[in-house]
Amino acid sequence: QLTAVLFTGALATGLAVAPAQAAPAEQSLAAVLTADGNGTFDNNWYDYDIVTQAVLGVLAAKPDSNVKLLTDGSVALTAFIPNDRAFRLLAHDISHKWYSTEKGVFDRLVKKLGIDAIEKVLLYHVVAGGPIMAKDALKADGAKLATALPGKSIKVDVQGRNVPTIVLIDLDRNDYNPRVNPWQTDINEGNKQVAYGITRVLRPINL
């Protein structure tokens, strides 16, 4: 039922979504994030270990959370996944301290925000009813995307002409908005779930 509601919401935004493939595969984004040891804390701030650990942590604490959509490759969706540096920036914003390790960032966010808030943040990064491919997103300036966090949306702002950049406008009006990494689009292409790497954490409230 949740999937149906989100799918309807995504269509209502007027955003063009990629035509359905004849037989899209069903590898989940969770499987991609945890493949080959990915998701383990390391020294690379530009991969996705913290968001992976956040998903695993929420599901361990709340097995029925809607975050489990990311583990079900049969559910079509698009996810915007912040890199580890993005979470480091968030931890600094809420604690006014720089953390030198990914685990330090993760532990601080869990302690400061709590698992329920982290769950909401993760859901705010998911748009069901896709997948939305980069070629369509670049034509979607001004589109409003309903997220998996009920009642919360993000807006697409495509900036520039020769080398367009996709910016996602969240609900925090006092901070920089995340940008899509142009080298990290259409992750898991060919499946029902795709992802974009982004440079900051989307914020569903005004911090």
N, C-alpha and C. Protein backbone atom coordinates (compact mmCIF):
# COMPACT_ATOMS: atom_id res chain seq x y z
N GLN A 1 0.83 -1.21 0.00
CA GLN A 1 0.00 0.00 0.00
C GLN A 1 0.86 1.25 0.00
N LEU A 2 1.93 1.24 0.81
CA LEU A 2 2.83 2.40 0.84
C LEU A 2 3.42 2.64 -0.54
N THR A 3 3.84 1.57 -1.20
CA THR A 3 4.43 1.71 -2.52
C THR A 3 3.45 2.36 -3.49
N ALA A 4 2.20 1.95 -3.43
CA ALA A 4 1.19 2.51 -4.32
C ALA A 4 0.99 3.99 -4.06
N VAL A 5 0.98 4.38 -2.79
CA VAL A 5 0.82 5.79 -2.44
C VAL A 5 1.98 6.61 -2.96
N LEU A 6 3.20 6.11 -2.74
CA LEU A 6 4.38 6.84 -3.18
C LEU A 6 4.44 6.93 -4.70
N PHE A 7 4.03 5.85 -5.36
CA PHE A 7 4.05 5.85 -6.82
C PHE A 7 3.11 6.91 -7.36
N THR A 8 1.93 7.01 -6.76
CA THR A 8 0.98 8.03 -7.18
C THR A 8 1.54 9.41 -6.94
N GLY A 9 2.20 9.60 -5.79
CA GLY A 9 2.78 10.90 -5.47
C GLY A 9 3.86 11.30 -6.45
N ALA A 10 4.69 10.35 -6.87
CA ALA A 10 5.75 10.67 -7.81
C ALA A 10 5.18 11.10 -9.16
N LEU A 11 4.13 10.43 -9.60
CA LEU A 11 3.52 10.80 -10.87
C LEU A 11 2.90 12.18 -10.80
N ALA A 12 2.39 12.54 -9.64
CA ALA A 12 1.73 13.83 -9.49
C ALA A 12 2.68 15.00 -9.62
N THR A 13 3.98 14.75 -9.50
CA THR A 13 4.95 15.84 -9.59
C THR A 13 5.14 16.34 -11.01
N GLY A 14 4.76 15.53 -11.98
CA GLY A 14 4.97 15.90 -13.37
C GLY A 14 6.36 15.56 -13.88
N LEU A 15 7.15 14.85 -13.09
CA LEU A 15 8.50 14.47 -13.50
C LEU A 15 8.43 13.31 -14.47
N ALA A 16 9.16 13.42 -15.57
CA ALA A 16 9.22 12.33 -16.52
C ALA A 16 10.09 11.22 -15.95
N VAL A 17 9.61 10.00 -15.97
CA VAL A 17 10.39 8.87 -15.49
C VAL A 17 10.75 7.98 -16.67
N ALA A 18 11.79 7.20 -16.47
CA ALA A 18 12.28 6.38 -17.57
C ALA A 18 11.24 5.34 -17.95
N PRO A 19 11.07 5.07 -19.25
CA PRO A 19 10.14 4.03 -19.67
C PRO A 19 10.56 2.69 -19.08
N ALA A 20 9.57 1.86 -18.76
CA ALA A 20 9.87 0.56 -18.19
C ALA A 20 10.62 -0.30 -19.20
N GLN A 21 11.64 -0.99 -18.73
CA GLN A 21 12.36 -1.90 -19.59
C GLN A 21 11.54 -3.17 -19.78
N ALA A 22 11.91 -3.93 -20.80
CA ALA A 22 11.15 -5.15 -21.07
C ALA A 22 11.20 -6.09 -19.88
N ALA A 23 12.35 -6.23 -19.29
CA ALA A 23 12.48 -7.13 -18.14
C ALA A 23 13.52 -6.58 -17.19
N PRO A 24 13.20 -5.52 -16.46
CA PRO A 24 14.18 -4.94 -15.54
C PRO A 24 14.58 -5.94 -14.46
N ALA A 25 15.84 -5.93 -14.12
CA ALA A 25 16.33 -6.82 -13.08
C ALA A 25 15.90 -6.31 -11.71
N GLU A 26 16.12 -7.12 -10.69
CA GLU A 26 15.62 -6.77 -9.36
C GLU A 26 16.71 -6.81 -8.30
N GLN A 27 17.92 -6.37 -8.68
CA GLN A 27 18.97 -6.23 -7.67
C GLN A 27 18.67 -5.00 -6.84
N SER A 28 18.63 -5.15 -5.53
CA SER A 28 18.29 -4.02 -4.66
C SER A 28 19.49 -3.12 -4.46
N LEU A 29 19.20 -1.87 -4.06
CA LEU A 29 20.29 -0.95 -3.75
C LEU A 29 21.06 -1.40 -2.51
N ALA A 30 20.37 -2.03 -1.58
CA ALA A 30 21.06 -2.54 -0.40
C ALA A 30 22.11 -3.58 -0.80
N ALA A 31 21.77 -4.41 -1.77
CA ALA A 31 22.73 -5.41 -2.23
C ALA A 31 23.93 -4.75 -2.88
N VAL A 32 23.69 -3.67 -3.62
CA VAL A 32 24.80 -2.95 -4.26
C VAL A 32 25.70 -2.33 -3.20
N LEU A 33 25.10 -1.72 -2.19
CA LEU A 33 25.88 -1.01 -1.18
C LEU A 33 26.71 -1.96 -0.32
N THR A 34 26.24 -3.18 -0.15
CA THR A 34 26.96 -4.12 0.71
C THR A 34 27.81 -5.13 -0.06
N ALA A 35 27.84 -5.02 -1.38
CA ALA A 35 28.60 -5.98 -2.19
C ALA A 35 30.10 -5.80 -2.02
N ASP A 36 30.82 -6.90 -2.07
CA ASP A 36 32.29 -6.88 -2.06
C ASP A 36 32.87 -6.13 -0.87
N GLY A 37 32.18 -6.21 0.26
CA GLY A 37 32.71 -5.58 1.46
C GLY A 37 32.41 -4.10 1.57
N ASN A 38 31.73 -3.53 0.57
CA ASN A 38 31.37 -2.11 0.67
C ASN A 38 30.46 -1.91 1.86
N GLY A 39 30.54 -0.75 2.45
CA GLY A 39 29.71 -0.47 3.62
C GLY A 39 30.48 -0.60 4.91
N THR A 40 31.71 -1.07 4.84
CA THR A 40 32.56 -1.15 6.03
C THR A 40 33.31 0.17 6.19
N PHE A 41 33.35 0.68 7.39
CA PHE A 41 34.03 1.95 7.63
C PHE A 41 35.48 1.88 7.16
N ASP A 42 35.91 2.93 6.47
CA ASP A 42 37.28 2.98 5.98
C ASP A 42 37.77 4.43 5.99
N ASN A 43 38.79 4.73 5.22
CA ASN A 43 39.35 6.09 5.19
C ASN A 43 38.95 6.87 3.94
N ASN A 44 38.04 6.32 3.16
CA ASN A 44 37.59 6.98 1.94
C ASN A 44 36.28 7.73 2.22
N TRP A 45 36.36 9.06 2.25
CA TRP A 45 35.18 9.87 2.58
C TRP A 45 34.24 10.05 1.39
N TYR A 46 34.57 9.47 0.26
CA TYR A 46 33.76 9.69 -0.93
C TYR A 46 33.02 8.44 -1.41
N ASP A 47 32.94 7.43 -0.53
CA ASP A 47 32.06 6.32 -0.84
C ASP A 47 30.86 6.36 0.10
N TYR A 48 30.19 5.25 0.34
CA TYR A 48 28.87 5.31 0.96
C TYR A 48 28.74 4.37 2.17
N ASP A 49 29.79 4.33 2.98
CA ASP A 49 29.79 3.44 4.13
C ASP A 49 28.81 3.88 5.22
N ILE A 50 28.74 5.17 5.49
CA ILE A 50 27.90 5.64 6.59
C ILE A 50 26.43 5.45 6.28
N VAL A 51 26.02 5.75 5.05
CA VAL A 51 24.61 5.55 4.72
C VAL A 51 24.27 4.07 4.74
N THR A 52 25.21 3.22 4.35
CA THR A 52 24.98 1.78 4.40
C THR A 52 24.79 1.32 5.84
N GLN A 53 25.67 1.78 6.73
CA GLN A 53 25.54 1.42 8.14
C GLN A 53 24.27 1.99 8.75
N ALA A 54 23.85 3.15 8.28
CA ALA A 54 22.60 3.74 8.77
C ALA A 54 21.41 2.88 8.39
N VAL A 55 21.38 2.41 7.15
CA VAL A 55 20.30 1.53 6.71
C VAL A 55 20.29 0.24 7.54
N LEU A 56 21.44 -0.36 7.70
CA LEU A 56 21.54 -1.60 8.48
C LEU A 56 21.15 -1.37 9.94
N GLY A 57 21.56 -0.23 10.50
CA GLY A 57 21.24 0.07 11.88
C GLY A 57 19.75 0.27 12.11
N VAL A 58 19.10 0.98 11.20
CA VAL A 58 17.66 1.20 11.32
C VAL A 58 16.91 -0.13 11.22
N LEU A 59 17.29 -0.97 10.26
CA LEU A 59 16.58 -2.24 10.08
C LEU A 59 16.84 -3.21 11.23
N ALA A 60 18.01 -3.10 11.85
CA ALA A 60 18.27 -3.94 13.02
C ALA A 60 17.39 -3.53 14.19
N ALA A 61 17.20 -2.23 14.36
CA ALA A 61 16.39 -1.73 15.46
C ALA A 61 14.89 -1.77 15.15
N LYS A 62 14.55 -1.60 13.87
CA LYS A 62 13.15 -1.52 13.47
C LYS A 62 12.96 -2.33 12.19
N PRO A 63 12.83 -3.65 12.31
CA PRO A 63 12.76 -4.52 11.13
C PRO A 63 11.60 -4.20 10.18
N ASP A 64 10.55 -3.59 10.69
CA ASP A 64 9.40 -3.28 9.85
C ASP A 64 9.44 -1.86 9.27
N SER A 65 10.55 -1.17 9.46
CA SER A 65 10.68 0.18 8.93
C SER A 65 10.54 0.18 7.41
N ASN A 66 10.01 1.25 6.87
CA ASN A 66 9.89 1.37 5.42
C ASN A 66 11.25 1.53 4.74
N VAL A 67 12.31 1.69 5.52
CA VAL A 67 13.65 1.67 4.96
C VAL A 67 13.92 0.34 4.27
N LYS A 68 13.18 -0.70 4.65
CA LYS A 68 13.37 -2.02 4.04
C LYS A 68 13.03 -2.02 2.55
N LEU A 69 12.39 -0.97 2.05
CA LEU A 69 12.17 -0.85 0.61
C LEU A 69 13.49 -0.96 -0.16
N LEU A 70 14.56 -0.47 0.45
CA LEU A 70 15.87 -0.48 -0.21
C LEU A 70 16.44 -1.89 -0.34
N THR A 71 15.86 -2.85 0.38
CA THR A 71 16.33 -4.23 0.31
C THR A 71 15.46 -5.08 -0.61
N ASP A 72 14.40 -4.51 -1.12
CA ASP A 72 13.45 -5.25 -1.97
C ASP A 72 13.57 -4.76 -3.40
N GLY A 73 14.34 -5.48 -4.19
CA GLY A 73 14.61 -5.07 -5.55
C GLY A 73 13.41 -5.10 -6.47
N SER A 74 12.29 -5.65 -6.01
CA SER A 74 11.08 -5.66 -6.84
C SER A 74 10.33 -4.34 -6.76
N VAL A 75 10.72 -3.49 -5.81
CA VAL A 75 10.07 -2.18 -5.64
C VAL A 75 10.85 -1.13 -6.41
N ALA A 76 10.21 -0.51 -7.38
CA ALA A 76 10.88 0.52 -8.19
C ALA A 76 11.03 1.80 -7.37
N LEU A 77 12.24 2.33 -7.34
CA LEU A 77 12.48 3.57 -6.60
C LEU A 77 13.79 4.20 -7.05
N THR A 78 13.94 5.45 -6.66
CA THR A 78 15.19 6.18 -6.84
C THR A 78 15.66 6.66 -5.48
N ALA A 79 16.93 6.46 -5.18
CA ALA A 79 17.48 6.92 -3.91
C ALA A 79 18.62 7.89 -4.16
N PHE A 80 18.68 8.91 -3.35
CA PHE A 80 19.79 9.87 -3.38
C PHE A 80 20.66 9.55 -2.18
N ILE A 81 21.88 9.08 -2.43
CA ILE A 81 22.70 8.57 -1.33
C ILE A 81 23.88 9.51 -1.05
N PRO A 82 23.90 10.09 0.15
CA PRO A 82 25.00 10.99 0.52
C PRO A 82 26.29 10.20 0.74
N ASN A 83 27.40 10.77 0.29
CA ASN A 83 28.67 10.12 0.58
C ASN A 83 29.07 10.36 2.02
N ASP A 84 30.15 9.72 2.44
CA ASP A 84 30.57 9.81 3.85
C ASP A 84 30.93 11.23 4.25
N ARG A 85 31.51 11.98 3.34
CA ARG A 85 31.86 13.37 3.63
C ARG A 85 30.60 14.18 3.94
N ALA A 86 29.50 13.87 3.25
CA ALA A 86 28.24 14.57 3.49
C ALA A 86 27.76 14.37 4.93
N PHE A 87 27.90 13.15 5.43
CA PHE A 87 27.50 12.89 6.81
C PHE A 87 28.47 13.55 7.79
N ARG A 88 29.73 13.65 7.40
CA ARG A 88 30.69 14.35 8.26
C ARG A 88 30.30 15.82 8.40
N LEU A 89 29.86 16.43 7.30
CA LEU A 89 29.40 17.81 7.35
C LEU A 89 28.16 17.95 8.24
N LEU A 90 27.25 16.99 8.15
CA LEU A 90 26.06 17.03 9.00
C LEU A 90 26.43 16.91 10.47
N ALA A 91 27.34 15.98 10.79
CA ALA A 91 27.76 15.81 12.18
C ALA A 91 28.39 17.08 12.72
N HIS A 92 29.16 17.76 11.88
CA HIS A 92 29.78 19.02 12.30
C HIS A 92 28.72 20.09 12.54
N ASP A 93 27.72 20.15 11.67
CA ASP A 93 26.67 21.17 11.80
C ASP A 93 25.89 21.02 13.09
N ILE A 94 25.67 19.78 13.52
CA ILE A 94 24.84 19.59 14.72
C ILE A 94 25.65 19.49 16.00
N SER A 95 26.97 19.28 15.89
CA SER A 95 27.79 19.15 17.10
C SER A 95 28.90 20.19 17.19
N HIS A 96 29.15 20.91 16.06
CA HIS A 96 30.22 21.91 15.98
C HIS A 96 31.59 21.31 16.27
N LYS A 97 31.75 20.04 15.83
CA LYS A 97 33.01 19.36 16.01
C LYS A 97 33.29 18.51 14.78
N TRP A 98 34.56 18.47 14.35
CA TRP A 98 34.95 17.63 13.24
C TRP A 98 35.38 16.26 13.76
N TYR A 99 34.84 15.21 13.15
CA TYR A 99 35.20 13.85 13.54
C TYR A 99 36.15 13.27 12.50
N SER A 100 37.18 12.58 12.98
CA SER A 100 38.26 12.15 12.09
C SER A 100 38.04 10.79 11.47
N THR A 101 37.04 10.06 11.93
CA THR A 101 36.76 8.73 11.37
C THR A 101 35.29 8.61 11.00
N GLU A 102 35.02 7.72 10.05
CA GLU A 102 33.63 7.48 9.65
C GLU A 102 32.83 6.90 10.80
N LYS A 103 33.41 6.02 11.57
CA LYS A 103 32.70 5.44 12.71
C LYS A 103 32.39 6.51 13.74
N GLY A 104 33.33 7.44 13.92
CA GLY A 104 33.07 8.54 14.85
C GLY A 104 31.90 9.38 14.41
N VAL A 105 31.81 9.65 13.13
CA VAL A 105 30.69 10.40 12.58
C VAL A 105 29.38 9.64 12.81
N PHE A 106 29.39 8.36 12.45
CA PHE A 106 28.19 7.54 12.58
C PHE A 106 27.73 7.47 14.04
N ASP A 107 28.64 7.18 14.96
CA ASP A 107 28.28 7.06 16.37
C ASP A 107 27.72 8.37 16.91
N ARG A 108 28.31 9.49 16.48
CA ARG A 108 27.83 10.79 16.95
C ARG A 108 26.42 11.07 16.45
N LEU A 109 26.17 10.76 15.19
CA LEU A 109 24.83 11.00 14.64
C LEU A 109 23.78 10.14 15.33
N VAL A 110 24.12 8.88 15.59
CA VAL A 110 23.18 8.00 16.27
C VAL A 110 22.88 8.53 17.68
N LYS A 111 23.93 8.95 18.37
CA LYS A 111 23.76 9.45 19.74
C LYS A 111 23.00 10.77 19.77
N LYS A 112 23.31 11.64 18.84
CA LYS A 112 22.70 12.97 18.83
C LYS A 112 21.27 12.96 18.30
N LEU A 113 21.04 12.21 17.24
CA LEU A 113 19.73 12.24 16.58
C LEU A 113 18.80 11.13 17.05
N GLY A 114 19.36 9.95 17.31
CA GLY A 114 18.53 8.81 17.65
C GLY A 114 18.12 8.06 16.40
N ILE A 115 17.77 6.79 16.57
CA ILE A 115 17.49 5.93 15.43
C ILE A 115 16.23 6.35 14.70
N ASP A 116 15.24 6.89 15.40
CA ASP A 116 14.00 7.30 14.75
C ASP A 116 14.26 8.46 13.79
N ALA A 117 15.07 9.41 14.21
CA ALA A 117 15.38 10.55 13.35
C ALA A 117 16.22 10.11 12.15
N ILE A 118 17.15 9.19 12.37
CA ILE A 118 17.95 8.68 11.26
C ILE A 118 17.06 7.96 10.26
N GLU A 119 16.09 7.22 10.76
CA GLU A 119 15.12 6.56 9.87
C GLU A 119 14.41 7.59 8.98
N LYS A 120 13.97 8.68 9.58
CA LYS A 120 13.27 9.72 8.81
C LYS A 120 14.18 10.36 7.77
N VAL A 121 15.42 10.59 8.15
CA VAL A 121 16.38 11.16 7.21
C VAL A 121 16.58 10.23 6.01
N LEU A 122 16.72 8.94 6.27
CA LEU A 122 16.90 7.98 5.19
C LEU A 122 15.68 7.95 4.26
N LEU A 123 14.48 7.93 4.84
CA LEU A 123 13.27 7.91 4.03
C LEU A 123 13.13 9.16 3.18
N TYR A 124 13.68 10.26 3.67
CA TYR A 124 13.62 11.52 2.92
C TYR A 124 14.50 11.47 1.68
N HIS A 125 15.35 10.48 1.57
CA HIS A 125 16.24 10.34 0.41
C HIS A 125 15.69 9.35 -0.63
N VAL A 126 14.49 8.84 -0.40
CA VAL A 126 13.94 7.81 -1.28
C VAL A 126 12.69 8.34 -2.00
N VAL A 127 12.66 8.15 -3.30
CA VAL A 127 11.48 8.50 -4.12
C VAL A 127 11.04 7.23 -4.83
N ALA A 128 9.87 6.72 -4.48
CA ALA A 128 9.36 5.51 -5.11
C ALA A 128 8.60 5.87 -6.38
N GLY A 129 8.45 4.87 -7.26
CA GLY A 129 7.72 5.09 -8.49
C GLY A 129 8.61 5.51 -9.62
N GLY A 130 9.72 4.91 -9.78
CA GLY A 130 10.67 5.27 -10.83
C GLY A 130 11.04 4.06 -11.63
N PRO A 131 12.28 3.83 -11.92
CA PRO A 131 13.37 4.70 -11.49
C PRO A 131 13.50 5.96 -12.35
N ILE A 132 14.02 7.00 -11.76
CA ILE A 132 14.28 8.25 -12.47
C ILE A 132 15.72 8.19 -12.99
N MET A 133 15.88 8.23 -14.28
CA MET A 133 17.21 8.17 -14.86
C MET A 133 17.76 9.58 -15.05
N ALA A 134 19.09 9.69 -15.13
CA ALA A 134 19.73 11.00 -15.18
C ALA A 134 19.28 11.82 -16.37
N LYS A 135 19.09 11.18 -17.51
CA LYS A 135 18.69 11.93 -18.70
C LYS A 135 17.32 12.59 -18.51
N ASP A 136 16.46 11.97 -17.70
CA ASP A 136 15.16 12.56 -17.41
C ASP A 136 15.26 13.61 -16.31
N ALA A 137 16.10 13.35 -15.33
CA ALA A 137 16.27 14.31 -14.23
C ALA A 137 16.80 15.64 -14.75
N LEU A 138 17.68 15.58 -15.75
CA LEU A 138 18.25 16.81 -16.31
C LEU A 138 17.20 17.66 -17.04
N LYS A 139 16.07 17.06 -17.37
CA LYS A 139 14.99 17.78 -18.03
C LYS A 139 13.88 18.16 -17.06
N ALA A 140 14.11 17.94 -15.77
CA ALA A 140 13.04 18.06 -14.78
C ALA A 140 13.19 19.27 -13.88
N ASP A 141 13.76 20.35 -14.40
CA ASP A 141 13.93 21.55 -13.58
C ASP A 141 12.60 22.00 -12.99
N GLY A 142 12.56 22.17 -11.68
CA GLY A 142 11.36 22.63 -11.01
C GLY A 142 10.44 21.53 -10.53
N ALA A 143 10.74 20.28 -10.86
CA ALA A 143 9.89 19.17 -10.43
C ALA A 143 9.94 19.00 -8.93
N LYS A 144 8.82 18.66 -8.36
CA LYS A 144 8.72 18.41 -6.92
C LYS A 144 8.53 16.93 -6.70
N LEU A 145 9.41 16.31 -5.92
CA LEU A 145 9.39 14.87 -5.72
C LEU A 145 8.85 14.52 -4.34
N ALA A 146 7.81 13.72 -4.31
CA ALA A 146 7.30 13.19 -3.04
C ALA A 146 8.24 12.09 -2.56
N THR A 147 8.65 12.16 -1.32
CA THR A 147 9.60 11.18 -0.78
C THR A 147 8.87 10.14 0.05
N ALA A 148 9.63 9.14 0.48
CA ALA A 148 9.07 8.08 1.32
C ALA A 148 8.79 8.54 2.73
N LEU A 149 9.19 9.76 3.08
CA LEU A 149 8.85 10.34 4.36
C LEU A 149 7.55 11.10 4.17
N PRO A 150 6.45 10.62 4.74
CA PRO A 150 5.13 11.18 4.45
C PRO A 150 5.07 12.69 4.62
N GLY A 151 4.52 13.36 3.60
CA GLY A 151 4.32 14.79 3.65
C GLY A 151 5.54 15.63 3.35
N LYS A 152 6.66 15.00 3.06
CA LYS A 152 7.90 15.73 2.82
C LYS A 152 8.36 15.53 1.37
N SER A 153 8.79 16.60 0.74
CA SER A 153 9.21 16.53 -0.66
C SER A 153 10.53 17.26 -0.86
N ILE A 154 11.13 17.03 -2.00
CA ILE A 154 12.33 17.75 -2.41
C ILE A 154 12.07 18.31 -3.81
N LYS A 155 12.80 19.34 -4.16
CA LYS A 155 12.61 19.99 -5.46
C LYS A 155 13.87 19.88 -6.29
N VAL A 156 13.69 19.63 -7.57
CA VAL A 156 14.82 19.52 -8.50
C VAL A 156 15.12 20.89 -9.09
N ASP A 157 16.38 21.29 -9.01
CA ASP A 157 16.82 22.56 -9.58
C ASP A 157 18.00 22.26 -10.51
N VAL A 158 17.76 22.32 -11.81
CA VAL A 158 18.82 22.06 -12.78
C VAL A 158 19.48 23.39 -13.13
N GLN A 159 20.77 23.50 -12.82
CA GLN A 159 21.49 24.75 -13.01
C GLN A 159 22.53 24.61 -14.12
N GLY A 160 22.67 25.68 -14.91
CA GLY A 160 23.65 25.69 -15.98
C GLY A 160 23.10 25.11 -17.26
N ARG A 161 23.74 25.47 -18.38
CA ARG A 161 23.29 24.99 -19.68
C ARG A 161 24.30 24.05 -20.33
N ASN A 162 25.50 24.52 -20.52
CA ASN A 162 26.50 23.69 -21.20
C ASN A 162 26.88 22.46 -20.38
N VAL A 163 27.06 22.67 -19.09
CA VAL A 163 27.35 21.55 -18.19
C VAL A 163 26.34 21.62 -17.04
N PRO A 164 25.13 21.13 -17.24
CA PRO A 164 24.08 21.26 -16.23
C PRO A 164 24.38 20.47 -14.96
N THR A 165 23.97 21.02 -13.85
CA THR A 165 24.15 20.40 -12.54
C THR A 165 22.78 20.23 -11.89
N ILE A 166 22.56 19.08 -11.30
CA ILE A 166 21.30 18.82 -10.60
C ILE A 166 21.49 19.15 -9.13
N VAL A 167 20.70 20.10 -8.64
CA VAL A 167 20.70 20.48 -7.24
C VAL A 167 19.37 20.06 -6.64
N LEU A 168 19.39 19.53 -5.44
CA LEU A 168 18.17 19.09 -4.75
C LEU A 168 17.88 20.05 -3.61
N ILE A 169 16.74 20.69 -3.66
CA ILE A 169 16.37 21.67 -2.64
C ILE A 169 15.55 20.97 -1.55
N ASP A 170 16.11 20.96 -0.33
CA ASP A 170 15.42 20.30 0.78
C ASP A 170 14.69 21.31 1.64
N LEU A 171 14.32 20.93 2.85
CA LEU A 171 13.51 21.79 3.72
C LEU A 171 14.33 22.58 4.73
N ASP A 172 15.65 22.51 4.61
CA ASP A 172 16.51 23.34 5.46
C ASP A 172 16.92 24.57 4.64
N ARG A 173 16.38 25.71 5.02
CA ARG A 173 16.60 26.92 4.23
C ARG A 173 17.88 27.65 4.61
N ASN A 174 18.60 27.14 5.61
CA ASN A 174 19.77 27.85 6.12
C ASN A 174 21.09 27.18 5.76
N ASP A 175 21.06 26.20 4.87
CA ASP A 175 22.28 25.49 4.56
C ASP A 175 22.37 25.25 3.06
N TYR A 176 23.56 24.90 2.59
CA TYR A 176 23.73 24.60 1.17
C TYR A 176 22.92 23.36 0.79
N ASN A 177 22.40 23.37 -0.41
CA ASN A 177 21.63 22.22 -0.89
C ASN A 177 22.56 21.19 -1.52
N PRO A 178 22.18 19.92 -1.42
CA PRO A 178 23.00 18.86 -2.03
C PRO A 178 23.03 18.97 -3.55
N ARG A 179 24.15 18.57 -4.12
CA ARG A 179 24.30 18.46 -5.56
C ARG A 179 24.51 17.00 -5.93
N VAL A 180 24.01 16.64 -7.09
CA VAL A 180 24.24 15.29 -7.58
C VAL A 180 25.65 15.21 -8.16
N ASN A 181 26.38 14.19 -7.76
CA ASN A 181 27.71 13.94 -8.32
C ASN A 181 27.53 13.45 -9.75
N PRO A 182 28.00 14.21 -10.76
CA PRO A 182 27.77 13.81 -12.15
C PRO A 182 28.44 12.50 -12.54
N TRP A 183 29.37 12.03 -11.70
CA TRP A 183 30.05 10.76 -11.96
C TRP A 183 29.39 9.61 -11.22
N GLN A 184 28.34 9.92 -10.46
CA GLN A 184 27.65 8.89 -9.68
C GLN A 184 26.14 8.96 -9.93
N THR A 185 25.76 8.77 -11.17
CA THR A 185 24.34 8.76 -11.53
C THR A 185 23.97 7.39 -12.09
N ASP A 186 22.68 7.09 -12.05
CA ASP A 186 22.17 5.82 -12.59
C ASP A 186 22.89 4.60 -12.01
N ILE A 187 23.26 4.69 -10.73
CA ILE A 187 23.86 3.55 -10.04
C ILE A 187 22.85 2.40 -10.02
N ASN A 188 23.26 1.22 -10.39
CA ASN A 188 22.40 0.04 -10.47
C ASN A 188 21.46 0.10 -11.68
N GLU A 189 21.90 0.80 -12.73
CA GLU A 189 21.10 0.92 -13.94
C GLU A 189 20.75 -0.46 -14.50
N GLY A 190 19.54 -0.57 -15.03
CA GLY A 190 19.06 -1.85 -15.55
C GLY A 190 18.22 -2.60 -14.55
N ASN A 191 18.16 -2.09 -13.33
CA ASN A 191 17.33 -2.66 -12.28
C ASN A 191 16.20 -1.71 -11.92
N LYS A 192 15.28 -2.18 -11.11
CA LYS A 192 14.14 -1.36 -10.73
C LYS A 192 14.50 -0.27 -9.73
N GLN A 193 15.65 -0.43 -9.09
CA GLN A 193 16.11 0.56 -8.12
C GLN A 193 17.40 1.19 -8.62
N VAL A 194 17.43 2.52 -8.68
CA VAL A 194 18.65 3.22 -9.07
C VAL A 194 18.98 4.28 -8.03
N ALA A 195 20.21 4.75 -8.05
CA ALA A 195 20.64 5.73 -7.06
C ALA A 195 21.51 6.80 -7.69
N TYR A 196 21.59 7.93 -7.01
CA TYR A 196 22.48 9.04 -7.35
C TYR A 196 23.33 9.33 -6.13
N GLY A 197 24.62 9.53 -6.33
CA GLY A 197 25.45 10.01 -5.25
C GLY A 197 25.25 11.51 -5.08
N ILE A 198 25.14 11.99 -3.84
CA ILE A 198 24.97 13.42 -3.60
C ILE A 198 25.98 13.91 -2.57
N THR A 199 26.21 15.22 -2.58
CA THR A 199 27.32 15.80 -1.82
C THR A 199 26.98 16.22 -0.40
N ARG A 200 25.70 16.28 -0.08
CA ARG A 200 25.27 16.63 1.27
C ARG A 200 24.05 15.80 1.64
N VAL A 201 23.77 15.75 2.93
CA VAL A 201 22.60 15.03 3.41
C VAL A 201 21.36 15.89 3.24
N LEU A 202 20.32 15.35 2.63
CA LEU A 202 19.05 16.06 2.52
C LEU A 202 18.43 16.18 3.91
N ARG A 203 17.89 17.35 4.19
CA ARG A 203 17.38 17.62 5.54
C ARG A 203 15.87 17.88 5.50
N PRO A 204 15.10 17.03 6.17
CA PRO A 204 13.64 17.17 6.12
C PRO A 204 13.09 18.24 7.06
N ILE A 205 13.98 18.89 7.82
CA ILE A 205 13.55 19.98 8.71
C ILE A 205 14.56 21.12 8.58
N ASN A 206 14.19 22.27 9.09
CA ASN A 206 15.07 23.43 9.07
C ASN A 206 15.94 23.40 10.33
N LEU A 207 17.19 23.02 10.15
CA LEU A 207 18.10 22.91 11.31
C LEU A 207 18.64 24.29 11.72
